[in-house]
Amino acid sequence: MKLSSLQVRKFAREFQVLDLTGNGTIEWEDLARGVENLARLSGWAEDAPEREAFLGRRRELWRLLTSAADRNHDGRISLEEYVVFWARVLAQAGGDRAHVPKWFGHLIMTCFDALDLDKNGVIGRDDYARFLKAHGVQIDVDACFARLDHNGDGVISRKEGLELFLDFTMSADPAAPGNWLWGPIQES
């Protein structure tokens, strides 16, 4: 499946968020750094259950990414590998949300759980802001969160989160709310 220009830009934005070292690849060090940044911002001790849970989710994400996206098996994922990976996922689903691989739904819920920092079952504005800050994302959090929280209730439920992640990943619609997941997408 050929990705739209918007989809390529969205995956490039997500890649940028994950590449915390800024070296042009995603490596385990990037994901581990996100955990440490979040732990520091959240005041989690080295052995805090929240830190361990988030670290576990990151290890799961890393296993998935390296097994599916690291085509040359060098322990790093380039932007090209990342975009090709997502193009393959979308091709397998035939562009239909109902046909996304089972692991993809699990990945989305893992991401949702990672963003639900206070573990209350929803993502609030403060959860979202802290997660973005831990990943070096400097955006207008209130404006982005308002776009994501399309029913205006101040939180993103699991169901809404699933739709937002699916929007981000699958939609070629520039107005899709999920496009704002990691902040504004640069124009081509």
N, C-alpha and C. Protein backbone atom coordinates (compact mmCIF):
# COMPACT_ATOMS: atom_id res chain seq x y z
N MET A 1 0.84 -1.18 0.00
CA MET A 1 0.00 0.00 0.00
C MET A 1 0.88 1.24 0.00
N LYS A 2 0.56 2.13 -0.88
CA LYS A 2 1.30 3.39 -0.91
C LYS A 2 0.68 4.34 0.11
N LEU A 3 1.52 4.89 0.95
CA LEU A 3 1.06 5.84 1.96
C LEU A 3 0.84 7.20 1.32
N SER A 4 -0.13 7.93 1.85
CA SER A 4 -0.33 9.31 1.41
C SER A 4 0.80 10.17 1.97
N SER A 5 0.95 11.34 1.40
CA SER A 5 1.95 12.29 1.89
C SER A 5 1.70 12.61 3.36
N LEU A 6 0.44 12.77 3.73
CA LEU A 6 0.09 13.05 5.12
C LEU A 6 0.51 11.90 6.03
N GLN A 7 0.25 10.66 5.62
CA GLN A 7 0.63 9.52 6.44
C GLN A 7 2.14 9.45 6.63
N VAL A 8 2.87 9.69 5.58
CA VAL A 8 4.34 9.68 5.69
C VAL A 8 4.78 10.75 6.68
N ARG A 9 4.20 11.95 6.60
CA ARG A 9 4.56 13.02 7.54
C ARG A 9 4.17 12.67 8.98
N LYS A 10 3.04 11.99 9.15
CA LYS A 10 2.64 11.59 10.50
C LYS A 10 3.62 10.57 11.08
N PHE A 11 4.01 9.60 10.28
CA PHE A 11 4.96 8.60 10.78
C PHE A 11 6.33 9.23 11.03
N ALA A 12 6.70 10.20 10.21
CA ALA A 12 7.96 10.91 10.45
C ALA A 12 7.89 11.69 11.76
N ARG A 13 6.73 12.27 12.05
CA ARG A 13 6.55 13.01 13.31
C ARG A 13 6.65 12.05 14.50
N GLU A 14 5.99 10.91 14.41
CA GLU A 14 6.04 9.93 15.49
C GLU A 14 7.46 9.42 15.68
N PHE A 15 8.15 9.19 14.58
CA PHE A 15 9.55 8.76 14.63
C PHE A 15 10.38 9.80 15.38
N GLN A 16 10.16 11.07 15.06
CA GLN A 16 10.89 12.16 15.71
C GLN A 16 10.63 12.16 17.22
N VAL A 17 9.39 11.90 17.62
CA VAL A 17 9.05 11.85 19.05
C VAL A 17 9.79 10.70 19.73
N LEU A 18 9.90 9.57 19.06
CA LEU A 18 10.55 8.40 19.65
C LEU A 18 12.08 8.49 19.63
N ASP A 19 12.64 9.22 18.69
CA ASP A 19 14.10 9.35 18.57
C ASP A 19 14.62 10.41 19.55
N LEU A 20 14.64 10.06 20.82
CA LEU A 20 15.02 11.03 21.85
C LEU A 20 16.49 11.43 21.80
N THR A 21 17.34 10.58 21.26
CA THR A 21 18.75 10.95 21.17
C THR A 21 18.99 11.87 19.98
N GLY A 22 18.03 11.93 19.07
CA GLY A 22 18.15 12.80 17.91
C GLY A 22 19.20 12.36 16.91
N ASN A 23 19.54 11.05 16.92
CA ASN A 23 20.59 10.58 16.01
C ASN A 23 20.04 10.01 14.71
N GLY A 24 18.74 10.15 14.47
CA GLY A 24 18.16 9.70 13.21
C GLY A 24 17.76 8.23 13.19
N THR A 25 17.84 7.56 14.33
CA THR A 25 17.37 6.18 14.44
C THR A 25 16.65 6.01 15.77
N ILE A 26 15.78 5.03 15.82
CA ILE A 26 15.17 4.65 17.09
C ILE A 26 15.95 3.45 17.60
N GLU A 27 16.44 3.56 18.82
CA GLU A 27 17.19 2.49 19.46
C GLU A 27 16.60 2.27 20.84
N TRP A 28 16.99 1.17 21.49
CA TRP A 28 16.50 0.94 22.84
C TRP A 28 16.82 2.13 23.74
N GLU A 29 17.97 2.74 23.55
CA GLU A 29 18.36 3.90 24.37
C GLU A 29 17.31 5.01 24.32
N ASP A 30 16.69 5.21 23.16
CA ASP A 30 15.65 6.23 23.04
C ASP A 30 14.45 5.91 23.92
N LEU A 31 14.00 4.68 23.86
CA LEU A 31 12.83 4.29 24.64
C LEU A 31 13.14 4.29 26.13
N ALA A 32 14.34 3.84 26.49
CA ALA A 32 14.74 3.85 27.90
C ALA A 32 14.87 5.28 28.41
N ARG A 33 15.36 6.18 27.57
CA ARG A 33 15.48 7.58 27.97
C ARG A 33 14.10 8.19 28.23
N GLY A 34 13.13 7.81 27.42
CA GLY A 34 11.75 8.27 27.65
C GLY A 34 11.24 7.83 29.01
N VAL A 35 11.56 6.59 29.40
CA VAL A 35 11.17 6.09 30.72
C VAL A 35 11.83 6.91 31.81
N GLU A 36 13.13 7.14 31.68
CA GLU A 36 13.85 7.90 32.72
C GLU A 36 13.36 9.33 32.81
N ASN A 37 13.10 9.96 31.66
CA ASN A 37 12.58 11.33 31.67
C ASN A 37 11.23 11.39 32.37
N LEU A 38 10.37 10.44 32.04
CA LEU A 38 9.05 10.41 32.64
C LEU A 38 9.14 10.12 34.13
N ALA A 39 10.03 9.23 34.53
CA ALA A 39 10.22 8.92 35.95
C ALA A 39 10.66 10.17 36.71
N ARG A 40 11.59 10.92 36.13
CA ARG A 40 12.07 12.14 36.77
C ARG A 40 10.95 13.17 36.89
N LEU A 41 10.19 13.38 35.81
CA LEU A 41 9.10 14.36 35.83
C LEU A 41 7.98 13.95 36.78
N SER A 42 7.82 12.64 36.97
CA SER A 42 6.74 12.12 37.81
C SER A 42 7.18 11.90 39.25
N GLY A 43 8.48 12.03 39.52
CA GLY A 43 8.99 11.81 40.87
C GLY A 43 9.02 10.35 41.26
N TRP A 44 9.11 9.45 40.27
CA TRP A 44 9.15 8.02 40.55
C TRP A 44 10.54 7.61 41.01
N ALA A 45 10.60 6.81 42.06
CA ALA A 45 11.87 6.23 42.51
C ALA A 45 12.32 5.16 41.50
N GLU A 46 13.59 4.79 41.59
CA GLU A 46 14.16 3.79 40.69
C GLU A 46 13.35 2.49 40.68
N ASP A 47 12.82 2.11 41.84
CA ASP A 47 12.07 0.85 41.93
C ASP A 47 10.56 1.07 42.03
N ALA A 48 10.08 2.24 41.66
CA ALA A 48 8.64 2.53 41.73
C ALA A 48 7.86 1.62 40.78
N PRO A 49 6.72 1.13 41.21
CA PRO A 49 5.91 0.26 40.34
C PRO A 49 5.51 0.94 39.03
N GLU A 50 5.25 2.25 39.08
CA GLU A 50 4.89 2.98 37.86
C GLU A 50 6.03 2.97 36.85
N ARG A 51 7.23 3.18 37.35
CA ARG A 51 8.41 3.17 36.47
C ARG A 51 8.61 1.79 35.88
N GLU A 52 8.50 0.77 36.71
CA GLU A 52 8.67 -0.61 36.23
C GLU A 52 7.61 -0.98 35.21
N ALA A 53 6.37 -0.56 35.43
CA ALA A 53 5.29 -0.85 34.49
C ALA A 53 5.54 -0.17 33.15
N PHE A 54 5.94 1.11 33.20
CA PHE A 54 6.20 1.83 31.96
C PHE A 54 7.41 1.24 31.24
N LEU A 55 8.42 0.86 31.98
CA LEU A 55 9.60 0.22 31.39
C LEU A 55 9.20 -1.08 30.70
N GLY A 56 8.32 -1.85 31.34
CA GLY A 56 7.84 -3.09 30.73
C GLY A 56 7.10 -2.84 29.43
N ARG A 57 6.27 -1.79 29.39
CA ARG A 57 5.56 -1.45 28.16
C ARG A 57 6.53 -1.03 27.07
N ARG A 58 7.57 -0.32 27.45
CA ARG A 58 8.57 0.09 26.47
C ARG A 58 9.35 -1.10 25.94
N ARG A 59 9.66 -2.06 26.81
CA ARG A 59 10.35 -3.28 26.34
C ARG A 59 9.49 -4.03 25.33
N GLU A 60 8.19 -4.09 25.63
CA GLU A 60 7.26 -4.75 24.71
C GLU A 60 7.22 -4.03 23.36
N LEU A 61 7.17 -2.71 23.39
CA LEU A 61 7.18 -1.92 22.16
C LEU A 61 8.48 -2.16 21.40
N TRP A 62 9.60 -2.18 22.10
CA TRP A 62 10.89 -2.38 21.45
C TRP A 62 10.97 -3.77 20.79
N ARG A 63 10.47 -4.80 21.48
CA ARG A 63 10.46 -6.15 20.89
C ARG A 63 9.65 -6.15 19.60
N LEU A 64 8.49 -5.53 19.64
CA LEU A 64 7.65 -5.48 18.45
C LEU A 64 8.35 -4.73 17.32
N LEU A 65 8.86 -3.56 17.62
CA LEU A 65 9.50 -2.76 16.58
C LEU A 65 10.71 -3.45 15.98
N THR A 66 11.56 -4.02 16.82
CA THR A 66 12.76 -4.65 16.26
C THR A 66 12.42 -5.89 15.46
N SER A 67 11.42 -6.64 15.90
CA SER A 67 11.09 -7.87 15.15
C SER A 67 10.41 -7.55 13.83
N ALA A 68 9.65 -6.45 13.77
CA ALA A 68 8.89 -6.16 12.57
C ALA A 68 9.47 -5.05 11.70
N ALA A 69 10.21 -4.13 12.28
CA ALA A 69 10.65 -2.96 11.52
C ALA A 69 12.15 -2.93 11.24
N ASP A 70 12.95 -3.56 12.05
CA ASP A 70 14.41 -3.51 11.89
C ASP A 70 14.83 -4.51 10.81
N ARG A 71 14.67 -4.09 9.55
CA ARG A 71 14.87 -4.99 8.40
C ARG A 71 16.32 -5.48 8.27
N ASN A 72 17.29 -4.67 8.65
CA ASN A 72 18.69 -5.09 8.49
C ASN A 72 19.27 -5.64 9.80
N HIS A 73 18.44 -5.76 10.83
CA HIS A 73 18.82 -6.39 12.10
C HIS A 73 20.06 -5.77 12.75
N ASP A 74 20.14 -4.43 12.68
CA ASP A 74 21.29 -3.76 13.29
C ASP A 74 20.98 -3.18 14.67
N GLY A 75 19.78 -3.47 15.20
CA GLY A 75 19.42 -2.98 16.51
C GLY A 75 18.97 -1.53 16.52
N ARG A 76 18.79 -0.97 15.33
CA ARG A 76 18.31 0.41 15.19
C ARG A 76 17.25 0.43 14.11
N ILE A 77 16.34 1.36 14.22
CA ILE A 77 15.30 1.50 13.22
C ILE A 77 15.44 2.88 12.59
N SER A 78 15.67 2.89 11.30
CA SER A 78 15.79 4.16 10.58
C SER A 78 14.39 4.68 10.25
N LEU A 79 14.32 5.93 9.85
CA LEU A 79 13.04 6.50 9.44
C LEU A 79 12.47 5.70 8.27
N GLU A 80 13.31 5.35 7.32
CA GLU A 80 12.83 4.57 6.17
C GLU A 80 12.25 3.23 6.63
N GLU A 81 12.95 2.54 7.52
CA GLU A 81 12.44 1.26 8.02
C GLU A 81 11.11 1.46 8.74
N TYR A 82 10.99 2.54 9.50
CA TYR A 82 9.79 2.82 10.26
C TYR A 82 8.60 3.06 9.34
N VAL A 83 8.81 3.87 8.32
CA VAL A 83 7.73 4.17 7.36
C VAL A 83 7.35 2.92 6.58
N VAL A 84 8.33 2.15 6.14
CA VAL A 84 8.05 0.90 5.40
C VAL A 84 7.27 -0.07 6.28
N PHE A 85 7.65 -0.16 7.55
CA PHE A 85 6.93 -1.01 8.50
C PHE A 85 5.45 -0.63 8.54
N TRP A 86 5.16 0.65 8.71
CA TRP A 86 3.76 1.06 8.80
C TRP A 86 3.04 0.89 7.47
N ALA A 87 3.71 1.07 6.36
CA ALA A 87 3.09 0.83 5.05
C ALA A 87 2.69 -0.65 4.93
N ARG A 88 3.56 -1.54 5.41
CA ARG A 88 3.23 -2.99 5.38
C ARG A 88 2.04 -3.30 6.27
N VAL A 89 2.01 -2.70 7.46
CA VAL A 89 0.88 -2.93 8.38
C VAL A 89 -0.42 -2.50 7.73
N LEU A 90 -0.42 -1.31 7.14
CA LEU A 90 -1.64 -0.80 6.52
C LEU A 90 -2.03 -1.62 5.29
N ALA A 91 -1.05 -2.09 4.54
CA ALA A 91 -1.33 -2.94 3.38
C ALA A 91 -1.98 -4.25 3.83
N GLN A 92 -1.46 -4.83 4.89
CA GLN A 92 -2.03 -6.08 5.41
C GLN A 92 -3.47 -5.88 5.86
N ALA A 93 -3.77 -4.71 6.38
CA ALA A 93 -5.13 -4.42 6.84
C ALA A 93 -6.03 -4.00 5.67
N GLY A 94 -5.44 -3.78 4.52
CA GLY A 94 -6.22 -3.34 3.38
C GLY A 94 -6.86 -1.98 3.59
N GLY A 95 -6.25 -1.19 4.48
CA GLY A 95 -6.79 0.13 4.77
C GLY A 95 -8.07 0.10 5.59
N ASP A 96 -8.46 -1.08 6.07
CA ASP A 96 -9.71 -1.26 6.81
C ASP A 96 -9.41 -1.45 8.30
N ARG A 97 -9.97 -0.58 9.11
CA ARG A 97 -9.74 -0.65 10.56
C ARG A 97 -10.15 -2.01 11.15
N ALA A 98 -11.14 -2.63 10.55
CA ALA A 98 -11.62 -3.91 11.05
C ALA A 98 -10.62 -5.04 10.79
N HIS A 99 -9.64 -4.79 9.94
CA HIS A 99 -8.68 -5.85 9.57
C HIS A 99 -7.25 -5.57 10.03
N VAL A 100 -7.11 -4.67 11.00
CA VAL A 100 -5.76 -4.43 11.53
C VAL A 100 -5.32 -5.68 12.28
N PRO A 101 -4.03 -5.98 12.27
CA PRO A 101 -3.56 -7.17 12.99
C PRO A 101 -3.89 -7.09 14.48
N LYS A 102 -4.10 -8.25 15.08
CA LYS A 102 -4.46 -8.31 16.50
C LYS A 102 -3.42 -7.61 17.37
N TRP A 103 -2.13 -7.78 17.03
CA TRP A 103 -1.08 -7.16 17.83
C TRP A 103 -1.18 -5.64 17.80
N PHE A 104 -1.77 -5.10 16.72
CA PHE A 104 -1.88 -3.65 16.59
C PHE A 104 -2.83 -3.08 17.65
N GLY A 105 -3.95 -3.75 17.86
CA GLY A 105 -4.86 -3.32 18.91
C GLY A 105 -4.19 -3.37 20.28
N HIS A 106 -3.39 -4.43 20.48
CA HIS A 106 -2.64 -4.55 21.74
C HIS A 106 -1.62 -3.42 21.87
N LEU A 107 -0.95 -3.10 20.78
CA LEU A 107 0.02 -2.01 20.78
C LEU A 107 -0.67 -0.69 21.13
N ILE A 108 -1.83 -0.45 20.55
CA ILE A 108 -2.56 0.78 20.84
C ILE A 108 -2.90 0.86 22.33
N MET A 109 -3.37 -0.23 22.89
CA MET A 109 -3.72 -0.21 24.32
C MET A 109 -2.47 -0.07 25.19
N THR A 110 -1.35 -0.61 24.73
CA THR A 110 -0.09 -0.42 25.45
C THR A 110 0.29 1.06 25.43
N CYS A 111 0.13 1.70 24.28
CA CYS A 111 0.41 3.14 24.18
C CYS A 111 -0.56 3.93 25.04
N PHE A 112 -1.83 3.56 25.02
CA PHE A 112 -2.82 4.24 25.86
C PHE A 112 -2.42 4.14 27.32
N ASP A 113 -2.08 2.92 27.75
CA ASP A 113 -1.68 2.72 29.15
C ASP A 113 -0.44 3.53 29.50
N ALA A 114 0.47 3.67 28.54
CA ALA A 114 1.67 4.47 28.78
C ALA A 114 1.32 5.94 28.99
N LEU A 115 0.31 6.42 28.28
CA LEU A 115 -0.10 7.82 28.41
C LEU A 115 -0.97 8.06 29.65
N ASP A 116 -1.64 7.02 30.14
CA ASP A 116 -2.49 7.13 31.33
C ASP A 116 -1.61 7.05 32.57
N LEU A 117 -0.91 8.12 32.84
CA LEU A 117 0.13 8.12 33.87
C LEU A 117 -0.41 7.96 35.29
N ASP A 118 -1.61 8.46 35.56
CA ASP A 118 -2.14 8.32 36.91
C ASP A 118 -3.01 7.07 37.07
N LYS A 119 -3.09 6.27 36.01
CA LYS A 119 -3.77 4.97 36.04
C LYS A 119 -5.22 5.05 36.48
N ASN A 120 -5.93 6.07 35.99
CA ASN A 120 -7.34 6.20 36.31
C ASN A 120 -8.24 5.76 35.15
N GLY A 121 -7.65 5.15 34.12
CA GLY A 121 -8.42 4.62 33.01
C GLY A 121 -8.71 5.59 31.90
N VAL A 122 -8.26 6.82 32.04
CA VAL A 122 -8.43 7.84 31.00
C VAL A 122 -7.13 8.64 30.89
N ILE A 123 -6.96 9.29 29.76
CA ILE A 123 -5.81 10.18 29.58
C ILE A 123 -6.32 11.60 29.78
N GLY A 124 -5.81 12.25 30.81
CA GLY A 124 -6.15 13.64 31.06
C GLY A 124 -5.11 14.56 30.44
N ARG A 125 -5.39 15.82 30.45
CA ARG A 125 -4.49 16.82 29.89
C ARG A 125 -3.11 16.76 30.54
N ASP A 126 -3.07 16.59 31.88
CA ASP A 126 -1.79 16.55 32.57
C ASP A 126 -0.99 15.30 32.21
N ASP A 127 -1.67 14.15 32.05
CA ASP A 127 -1.00 12.93 31.59
C ASP A 127 -0.33 13.19 30.24
N TYR A 128 -1.12 13.75 29.34
CA TYR A 128 -0.66 14.03 27.98
C TYR A 128 0.53 14.99 28.00
N ALA A 129 0.42 16.05 28.77
CA ALA A 129 1.48 17.06 28.83
C ALA A 129 2.78 16.46 29.38
N ARG A 130 2.68 15.67 30.42
CA ARG A 130 3.88 15.09 31.04
C ARG A 130 4.55 14.10 30.09
N PHE A 131 3.75 13.28 29.41
CA PHE A 131 4.30 12.33 28.45
C PHE A 131 5.05 13.07 27.34
N LEU A 132 4.42 14.11 26.80
CA LEU A 132 5.07 14.87 25.72
C LEU A 132 6.34 15.54 26.19
N LYS A 133 6.30 16.11 27.39
CA LYS A 133 7.50 16.78 27.92
C LYS A 133 8.64 15.78 28.09
N ALA A 134 8.31 14.57 28.56
CA ALA A 134 9.34 13.53 28.74
C ALA A 134 9.97 13.13 27.42
N HIS A 135 9.27 13.38 26.32
CA HIS A 135 9.78 13.03 25.00
C HIS A 135 10.26 14.26 24.22
N GLY A 136 10.42 15.38 24.94
CA GLY A 136 10.99 16.56 24.32
C GLY A 136 10.07 17.26 23.33
N VAL A 137 8.78 16.96 23.38
CA VAL A 137 7.83 17.57 22.45
C VAL A 137 7.35 18.88 23.04
N GLN A 138 7.63 19.95 22.32
CA GLN A 138 7.25 21.29 22.77
C GLN A 138 6.18 21.82 21.85
N ILE A 139 4.94 21.72 22.32
CA ILE A 139 3.78 22.16 21.54
C ILE A 139 2.82 22.88 22.47
N ASP A 140 1.79 23.45 21.89
CA ASP A 140 0.70 24.02 22.67
C ASP A 140 -0.18 22.85 23.11
N VAL A 141 0.08 22.34 24.31
CA VAL A 141 -0.60 21.14 24.82
C VAL A 141 -2.10 21.34 24.86
N ASP A 142 -2.54 22.50 25.34
CA ASP A 142 -3.98 22.74 25.47
C ASP A 142 -4.67 22.69 24.11
N ALA A 143 -4.06 23.30 23.10
CA ALA A 143 -4.67 23.31 21.77
C ALA A 143 -4.71 21.89 21.19
N CYS A 144 -3.63 21.14 21.35
CA CYS A 144 -3.61 19.77 20.82
C CYS A 144 -4.58 18.88 21.57
N PHE A 145 -4.58 18.99 22.90
CA PHE A 145 -5.48 18.14 23.68
C PHE A 145 -6.94 18.44 23.33
N ALA A 146 -7.26 19.70 23.10
CA ALA A 146 -8.64 20.07 22.72
C ALA A 146 -9.03 19.40 21.40
N ARG A 147 -8.09 19.28 20.48
CA ARG A 147 -8.39 18.62 19.20
C ARG A 147 -8.59 17.11 19.39
N LEU A 148 -7.82 16.53 20.32
CA LEU A 148 -7.92 15.09 20.59
C LEU A 148 -9.20 14.77 21.37
N ASP A 149 -9.56 15.65 22.29
CA ASP A 149 -10.74 15.45 23.15
C ASP A 149 -11.96 15.99 22.42
N HIS A 150 -12.35 15.31 21.36
CA HIS A 150 -13.39 15.87 20.49
C HIS A 150 -14.78 15.91 21.13
N ASN A 151 -15.03 15.19 22.24
CA ASN A 151 -16.32 15.33 22.90
C ASN A 151 -16.27 16.37 24.03
N GLY A 152 -15.07 16.94 24.28
CA GLY A 152 -14.94 18.05 25.21
C GLY A 152 -15.13 17.72 26.68
N ASP A 153 -15.01 16.45 27.07
CA ASP A 153 -15.23 16.10 28.47
C ASP A 153 -13.97 16.19 29.33
N GLY A 154 -12.86 16.62 28.74
CA GLY A 154 -11.62 16.82 29.50
C GLY A 154 -10.74 15.59 29.63
N VAL A 155 -11.18 14.46 29.10
CA VAL A 155 -10.38 13.23 29.16
C VAL A 155 -10.56 12.44 27.87
N ILE A 156 -9.61 11.54 27.66
CA ILE A 156 -9.69 10.62 26.51
C ILE A 156 -9.88 9.22 27.09
N SER A 157 -11.02 8.61 26.78
CA SER A 157 -11.32 7.26 27.26
C SER A 157 -10.54 6.24 26.42
N ARG A 158 -10.56 4.99 26.85
CA ARG A 158 -9.90 3.93 26.10
C ARG A 158 -10.48 3.83 24.69
N LYS A 159 -11.81 3.91 24.59
CA LYS A 159 -12.46 3.83 23.27
C LYS A 159 -12.02 5.01 22.39
N GLU A 160 -12.02 6.21 22.96
CA GLU A 160 -11.57 7.39 22.20
C GLU A 160 -10.10 7.25 21.83
N GLY A 161 -9.28 6.74 22.77
CA GLY A 161 -7.86 6.54 22.49
C GLY A 161 -7.65 5.59 21.33
N LEU A 162 -8.41 4.50 21.30
CA LEU A 162 -8.31 3.55 20.19
C LEU A 162 -8.59 4.24 18.87
N GLU A 163 -9.66 5.03 18.84
CA GLU A 163 -10.02 5.75 17.61
C GLU A 163 -8.94 6.76 17.21
N LEU A 164 -8.37 7.45 18.19
CA LEU A 164 -7.34 8.44 17.89
C LEU A 164 -6.09 7.79 17.32
N PHE A 165 -5.65 6.68 17.93
CA PHE A 165 -4.47 5.98 17.41
C PHE A 165 -4.75 5.40 16.03
N LEU A 166 -5.97 4.88 15.82
CA LEU A 166 -6.32 4.39 14.48
C LEU A 166 -6.34 5.53 13.48
N ASP A 167 -6.90 6.68 13.88
CA ASP A 167 -6.88 7.87 13.00
C ASP A 167 -5.45 8.21 12.62
N PHE A 168 -4.60 8.30 13.65
CA PHE A 168 -3.22 8.69 13.39
C PHE A 168 -2.57 7.73 12.40
N THR A 169 -2.76 6.47 12.61
CA THR A 169 -2.08 5.46 11.81
C THR A 169 -2.69 5.28 10.44
N MET A 170 -4.01 5.26 10.36
CA MET A 170 -4.66 4.82 9.13
C MET A 170 -5.26 5.92 8.28
N SER A 171 -5.63 7.02 8.88
CA SER A 171 -6.39 8.02 8.14
C SER A 171 -5.52 8.89 7.24
N ALA A 172 -6.01 9.11 6.05
CA ALA A 172 -5.39 10.08 5.14
C ALA A 172 -6.16 11.39 5.14
N ASP A 173 -7.14 11.50 6.04
CA ASP A 173 -7.96 12.70 6.17
C ASP A 173 -7.21 13.74 7.00
N PRO A 174 -6.88 14.89 6.43
CA PRO A 174 -6.14 15.91 7.18
C PRO A 174 -6.91 16.45 8.39
N ALA A 175 -8.23 16.27 8.44
CA ALA A 175 -9.03 16.78 9.56
C ALA A 175 -9.24 15.74 10.67
N ALA A 176 -8.69 14.55 10.53
CA ALA A 176 -8.89 13.51 11.54
C ALA A 176 -8.28 13.95 12.87
N PRO A 177 -9.03 13.86 13.97
CA PRO A 177 -8.53 14.31 15.27
C PRO A 177 -7.23 13.61 15.69
N GLY A 178 -7.09 12.34 15.38
CA GLY A 178 -5.89 11.60 15.78
C GLY A 178 -4.60 12.12 15.19
N ASN A 179 -4.69 12.91 14.14
CA ASN A 179 -3.49 13.48 13.54
C ASN A 179 -2.72 14.35 14.53
N TRP A 180 -3.39 14.80 15.57
CA TRP A 180 -2.79 15.71 16.54
C TRP A 180 -2.14 14.98 17.72
N LEU A 181 -2.07 13.67 17.65
CA LEU A 181 -1.56 12.87 18.76
C LEU A 181 -0.20 13.33 19.25
N TRP A 182 0.71 13.63 18.35
CA TRP A 182 2.07 14.05 18.72
C TRP A 182 2.32 15.51 18.37
N GLY A 183 1.25 16.27 18.23
CA GLY A 183 1.38 17.68 17.89
C GLY A 183 1.12 17.91 16.42
N PRO A 184 1.27 19.15 15.99
CA PRO A 184 0.98 19.47 14.59
C PRO A 184 1.90 18.70 13.63
N ILE A 185 1.33 18.33 12.50
CA ILE A 185 2.08 17.64 11.45
C ILE A 185 2.54 18.71 10.45
N GLN A 186 3.83 18.67 10.15
CA GLN A 186 4.37 19.66 9.22
C GLN A 186 3.77 19.49 7.83
N GLU A 187 3.56 20.60 7.19
CA GLU A 187 3.06 20.58 5.80
C GLU A 187 4.19 20.10 4.90
N SER A 188 3.80 19.51 3.79
CA SER A 188 4.85 19.02 2.86
C SER A 188 5.40 20.13 2.02
